[in-house]
Protein backbone atom coordinates (compact mmCIF):
# COMPACT_ATOMS: atom_id res chain seq x y z
CA MET A 1 0.00 0.00 0.00
CA SER A 2 1.35 3.40 -0.94
CA LEU A 3 1.80 6.13 1.62
CA PHE A 4 -0.81 8.11 -0.34
CA ASP A 5 -3.39 5.35 0.26
CA LYS A 6 -2.31 4.79 3.85
CA LEU A 7 -2.87 8.48 4.65
CA GLY A 8 -6.40 8.36 3.24
CA GLY A 9 -5.97 9.35 -0.39
CA PHE A 10 -6.68 12.61 -2.12
CA ALA A 11 -9.15 13.95 0.46
CA ALA A 12 -6.70 13.49 3.33
CA VAL A 13 -3.77 14.99 1.42
CA SER A 14 -5.94 17.95 0.40
CA LYS A 15 -6.98 18.54 4.01
CA VAL A 16 -3.41 18.44 5.31
CA VAL A 17 -2.09 20.71 2.55
CA GLY A 18 -4.87 23.24 3.17
CA GLU A 19 -4.14 23.33 6.90
CA PHE A 20 -0.41 23.54 6.19
CA TYR A 21 -0.78 26.65 4.02
CA ASP A 22 -3.23 28.23 6.47
CA GLU A 23 -0.50 27.98 9.10
CA LEU A 24 2.23 29.26 6.78
CA GLU A 25 0.18 32.31 5.83
CA GLN A 26 -0.16 33.22 9.52
CA ASN A 27 3.48 32.63 10.45
CA PRO A 28 5.58 35.84 10.52
CA VAL A 29 8.62 34.00 9.11
CA THR A 30 6.83 32.43 6.14
CA ALA A 31 3.87 34.74 5.45
CA PRO A 32 5.87 37.26 3.38
CA TYR A 33 6.59 34.56 0.79
CA PHE A 34 2.88 34.22 0.02
CA VAL A 35 1.91 37.88 -0.39
CA GLY A 36 0.26 38.34 -3.76
CA MET A 37 0.27 34.63 -4.57
CA ASN A 38 -2.73 32.80 -5.95
CA MET A 39 -3.10 30.49 -2.96
CA GLU A 40 -5.82 28.37 -4.56
CA LYS A 41 -3.53 27.57 -7.47
CA LEU A 42 -0.53 26.99 -5.19
CA ILE A 43 -2.49 24.61 -2.96
CA ASP A 44 -3.80 22.73 -6.00
CA HIS A 45 -0.24 22.30 -7.31
CA GLN A 46 1.02 21.20 -3.90
CA VAL A 47 -1.76 18.64 -3.45
CA LYS A 48 -0.91 17.14 -6.84
CA PHE A 49 2.83 17.20 -6.17
CA LEU A 50 2.53 15.61 -2.74
CA SER A 51 -0.03 13.07 -3.90
CA GLN A 52 2.28 11.91 -6.69
CA ALA A 53 5.33 11.93 -4.39
CA LEU A 54 3.48 9.72 -1.91
CA GLY A 55 2.55 7.15 -4.55
CA GLY A 56 -0.87 8.40 -5.62
CA PRO A 57 -2.29 8.55 -9.13
CA GLN A 58 -2.25 12.35 -9.46
CA GLN A 59 0.13 13.76 -12.02
CA TYR A 60 2.04 16.89 -11.07
CA SER A 61 2.98 18.90 -14.14
CA GLY A 62 4.32 22.07 -12.55
CA LYS A 63 7.77 23.58 -12.67
CA ALA A 64 10.83 21.83 -11.30
CA MET A 65 11.38 22.54 -7.61
CA ASN A 66 14.38 24.85 -8.07
CA ALA A 67 12.70 26.81 -10.89
CA ALA A 68 9.50 27.25 -8.87
CA HIS A 69 11.34 28.61 -5.83
CA GLN A 70 14.34 30.44 -7.30
CA LYS A 71 12.84 33.93 -7.44
CA LEU A 72 11.52 33.68 -3.87
CA THR A 73 14.98 33.81 -2.27
CA ILE A 74 14.00 31.36 0.45
CA THR A 75 16.22 31.39 3.52
CA GLU A 76 17.27 28.38 5.54
CA GLU A 77 15.28 29.82 8.48
CA ALA A 78 12.13 29.92 6.36
CA PHE A 79 12.73 26.40 5.05
CA ASN A 80 13.17 25.11 8.60
CA GLU A 81 9.97 26.87 9.67
CA VAL A 82 8.10 25.25 6.79
CA ALA A 83 9.44 21.86 7.85
CA ARG A 84 8.46 22.46 11.47
CA THR A 85 4.98 23.52 10.40
CA LEU A 86 4.57 20.50 8.14
CA ASN A 87 5.58 18.17 10.95
CA GLU A 88 3.14 19.86 13.33
CA VAL A 89 0.21 19.68 10.87
CA LEU A 90 0.92 16.00 10.19
CA GLU A 91 0.99 15.28 13.93
CA ASP A 92 -2.24 17.25 14.46
CA ASN A 93 -3.90 15.09 11.81
CA GLY A 94 -2.95 11.88 13.60
CA ILE A 95 -0.49 10.66 11.00
CA ASP A 96 1.61 7.71 12.17
CA PRO A 97 5.06 8.85 13.36
CA ALA A 98 6.84 6.52 10.91
CA ASP A 99 4.85 8.02 8.04
CA ILE A 100 5.63 11.51 9.27
CA GLY A 101 9.29 10.55 9.21
CA ALA A 102 9.02 9.41 5.59
CA ILE A 103 7.25 12.62 4.58
CA MET A 104 9.78 14.77 6.43
CA ASP A 105 12.64 12.90 4.75
CA LEU A 106 11.04 13.68 1.38
CA ALA A 107 10.65 17.36 2.31
CA GLY A 108 14.21 17.54 3.63
CA SER A 109 15.59 16.08 0.41
CA LEU A 110 14.31 19.17 -1.42
CA LYS A 111 16.19 21.68 0.72
CA ASP A 112 19.04 22.29 -1.72
CA GLU A 113 16.54 22.92 -4.53
CA VAL A 114 14.44 25.35 -2.48
CA VAL A 115 16.84 27.38 -0.32
CA SER A 116 18.62 30.09 -2.26
CA ALA A 117 19.53 32.71 0.32
């Protein structure tokens, strides 16, 4: 069984991603990165990306990670805050700790493609 299925499929991933971005938009470290962004579009892309990355059938067709984040000049502090927030949202949604670890490993593997400052 894929991690996507184990988490509860598209509905569960959508819920977690929505809560995740709600938190990021309220966080003083990360909120400035989202000013003027089309959050609906961003969330849709992220749901597709994460669903595919977790073994689901969705097909993500957005930009490569480094191209999508390059102009944002994301700091290591902001990346770490995003990771902390993701971990917290996953815990709040009752995700198994081992599955959280796998998701956090995936997120951490993207650091060099996302952080540019």
